[in-house]
Amino acid sequence: MILKYVGEVLKITDNLAKNLIKGELHKKGLKVKDLVQLLKPYGEELTELSFNNKMSRGGFSAMFFLKCMKALDVKNIDINH
């Protein structure tokens, strides 16, 4: 029972991080290829394909998420929606 709950929490948080990144791209009118370029100064050498694989695979690091937010110049994050 506890493992199922932990799994659901992880699923929700993975989806939340992905959705926040996708939402910021949409708000700023950017595409994945734009974010891939914006991430280069933060040490991320990705292609569009590798970025999309990372997003669909799930479980990316908090550091990667923060790099995305910084690259997209996000000042505040609302995790309640």
C-alpha atoms as a PDB file:
ATOM      1  CA  MET A   1       0.000   0.000   0.000  1.00  0.00           C
ATOM      2  CA  ILE A   2       2.753   2.458   0.923  1.00  0.00           C
ATOM      3  CA  LEU A   3       4.767   1.584  -2.195  1.00  0.00           C
ATOM      4  CA  LYS A   4       1.739   2.238  -4.380  1.00  0.00           C
ATOM      5  CA  TYR A   5       1.296   5.655  -2.718  1.00  0.00           C
ATOM      6  CA  VAL A   6       4.981   6.511  -3.184  1.00  0.00           C
ATOM      7  CA  GLY A   7       4.747   5.465  -6.828  1.00  0.00           C
ATOM      8  CA  GLU A   8       1.729   7.718  -7.365  1.00  0.00           C
ATOM      9  CA  VAL A   9       3.503  10.669  -5.717  1.00  0.00           C
ATOM     10  CA  LEU A  10       6.531  10.159  -7.953  1.00  0.00           C
ATOM     11  CA  LYS A  11       4.295   9.940 -11.026  1.00  0.00           C
ATOM     12  CA  ILE A  12       2.542  13.185 -10.089  1.00  0.00           C
ATOM     13  CA  THR A  13       5.804  15.037  -9.464  1.00  0.00           C
ATOM     14  CA  ASP A  14       7.372  13.759 -12.703  1.00  0.00           C
ATOM     15  CA  ASN A  15       4.346  14.927 -14.648  1.00  0.00           C
ATOM     16  CA  LEU A  16       4.345  18.236 -12.790  1.00  0.00           C
ATOM     17  CA  ALA A  17       7.937  18.991 -13.742  1.00  0.00           C
ATOM     18  CA  LYS A  18       7.327  18.022 -17.375  1.00  0.00           C
ATOM     19  CA  ASN A  19       4.133  20.058 -17.521  1.00  0.00           C
ATOM     20  CA  LEU A  20       5.837  23.103 -15.993  1.00  0.00           C
ATOM     21  CA  ILE A  21       8.565  22.969 -18.645  1.00  0.00           C
ATOM     22  CA  LYS A  22       6.033  22.476 -21.450  1.00  0.00           C
ATOM     23  CA  GLY A  23       3.860  25.264 -20.058  1.00  0.00           C
ATOM     24  CA  GLU A  24       6.760  27.707 -19.958  1.00  0.00           C
ATOM     25  CA  LEU A  25       7.706  26.853 -23.528  1.00  0.00           C
ATOM     26  CA  HIS A  26       4.120  27.480 -24.589  1.00  0.00           C
ATOM     27  CA  LYS A  27       3.841  30.774 -22.640  1.00  0.00           C
ATOM     28  CA  LYS A  28       6.998  32.072 -24.242  1.00  0.00           C
ATOM     29  CA  GLY A  29       6.107  30.817 -27.726  1.00  0.00           C
ATOM     30  CA  LEU A  30       9.207  28.641 -27.853  1.00  0.00           C
ATOM     31  CA  LYS A  31       9.832  25.186 -29.272  1.00  0.00           C
ATOM     32  CA  VAL A  32      11.959  22.344 -27.938  1.00  0.00           C
ATOM     33  CA  LYS A  33      14.732  23.280 -30.397  1.00  0.00           C
ATOM     34  CA  ASP A  34      14.843  26.741 -28.798  1.00  0.00           C
ATOM     35  CA  LEU A  35      15.167  25.337 -25.283  1.00  0.00           C
ATOM     36  CA  VAL A  36      17.891  22.934 -26.427  1.00  0.00           C
ATOM     37  CA  GLN A  37      19.895  25.970 -27.571  1.00  0.00           C
ATOM     38  CA  LEU A  38      19.128  27.924 -24.390  1.00  0.00           C
ATOM     39  CA  LEU A  39      20.398  25.016 -22.275  1.00  0.00           C
ATOM     40  CA  LYS A  40      23.865  24.943 -23.875  1.00  0.00           C
ATOM     41  CA  PRO A  41      25.355  27.643 -21.589  1.00  0.00           C
ATOM     42  CA  TYR A  42      24.204  25.512 -18.646  1.00  0.00           C
ATOM     43  CA  GLY A  43      26.273  22.540 -19.797  1.00  0.00           C
ATOM     44  CA  GLU A  44      23.462  20.576 -21.472  1.00  0.00           C
ATOM     45  CA  GLU A  45      24.457  19.320 -24.907  1.00  0.00           C
ATOM     46  CA  LEU A  46      21.151  17.903 -26.105  1.00  0.00           C
ATOM     47  CA  THR A  47      19.451  17.367 -29.417  1.00  0.00           C
ATOM     48  CA  GLU A  48      15.706  17.743 -29.848  1.00  0.00           C
ATOM     49  CA  LEU A  49      15.452  13.954 -29.868  1.00  0.00           C
ATOM     50  CA  SER A  50      17.489  13.480 -26.695  1.00  0.00           C
ATOM     51  CA  PHE A  51      15.492  16.209 -24.928  1.00  0.00           C
ATOM     52  CA  ASN A  52      12.195  14.605 -25.951  1.00  0.00           C
ATOM     53  CA  ASN A  53      13.489  11.201 -24.823  1.00  0.00           C
ATOM     54  CA  LYS A  54      14.482  12.661 -21.462  1.00  0.00           C
ATOM     55  CA  MET A  55      11.024  14.183 -21.061  1.00  0.00           C
ATOM     56  CA  SER A  56       9.152  11.015 -22.043  1.00  0.00           C
ATOM     57  CA  ARG A  57      11.409   8.679 -20.064  1.00  0.00           C
ATOM     58  CA  GLY A  58      10.715  10.580 -16.843  1.00  0.00           C
ATOM     59  CA  GLY A  59      12.739  10.788 -13.726  1.00  0.00           C
ATOM     60  CA  PHE A  60      15.066  13.612 -14.782  1.00  0.00           C
ATOM     61  CA  SER A  61      17.002  15.364 -12.052  1.00  0.00           C
ATOM     62  CA  ALA A  62      16.005  18.436 -10.112  1.00  0.00           C
ATOM     63  CA  MET A  63      19.168  20.060 -11.466  1.00  0.00           C
ATOM     64  CA  PHE A  64      17.990  19.516 -15.045  1.00  0.00           C
ATOM     65  CA  PHE A  65      14.586  20.980 -14.177  1.00  0.00           C
ATOM     66  CA  LEU A  66      16.222  24.033 -12.593  1.00  0.00           C
ATOM     67  CA  LYS A  67      18.490  24.486 -15.620  1.00  0.00           C
ATOM     68  CA  CYS A  68      15.393  24.498 -17.834  1.00  0.00           C
ATOM     69  CA  MET A  69      13.674  27.072 -15.629  1.00  0.00           C
ATOM     70  CA  LYS A  70      16.797  29.258 -15.562  1.00  0.00           C
ATOM     71  CA  ALA A  71      17.288  28.939 -19.327  1.00  0.00           C
ATOM     72  CA  LEU A  72      13.659  29.978 -19.830  1.00  0.00           C
ATOM     73  CA  ASP A  73      14.173  32.920 -17.437  1.00  0.00           C
ATOM     74  CA  VAL A  74      11.415  31.732 -15.101  1.00  0.00           C
ATOM     75  CA  LYS A  75      11.290  33.832 -11.935  1.00  0.00           C
ATOM     76  CA  ASN A  76       8.434  32.099 -10.067  1.00  0.00           C
ATOM     77  CA  ILE A  77       6.904  28.647 -10.229  1.00  0.00           C
ATOM     78  CA  ASP A  78       3.325  27.867  -9.192  1.00  0.00           C
ATOM     79  CA  ILE A  79       3.085  24.172  -8.354  1.00  0.00           C
ATOM     80  CA  ASN A  80      -0.551  24.319  -7.244  1.00  0.00           C
ATOM     81  CA  HIS A  81      -2.035  23.977 -10.721  1.00  0.00           C
END
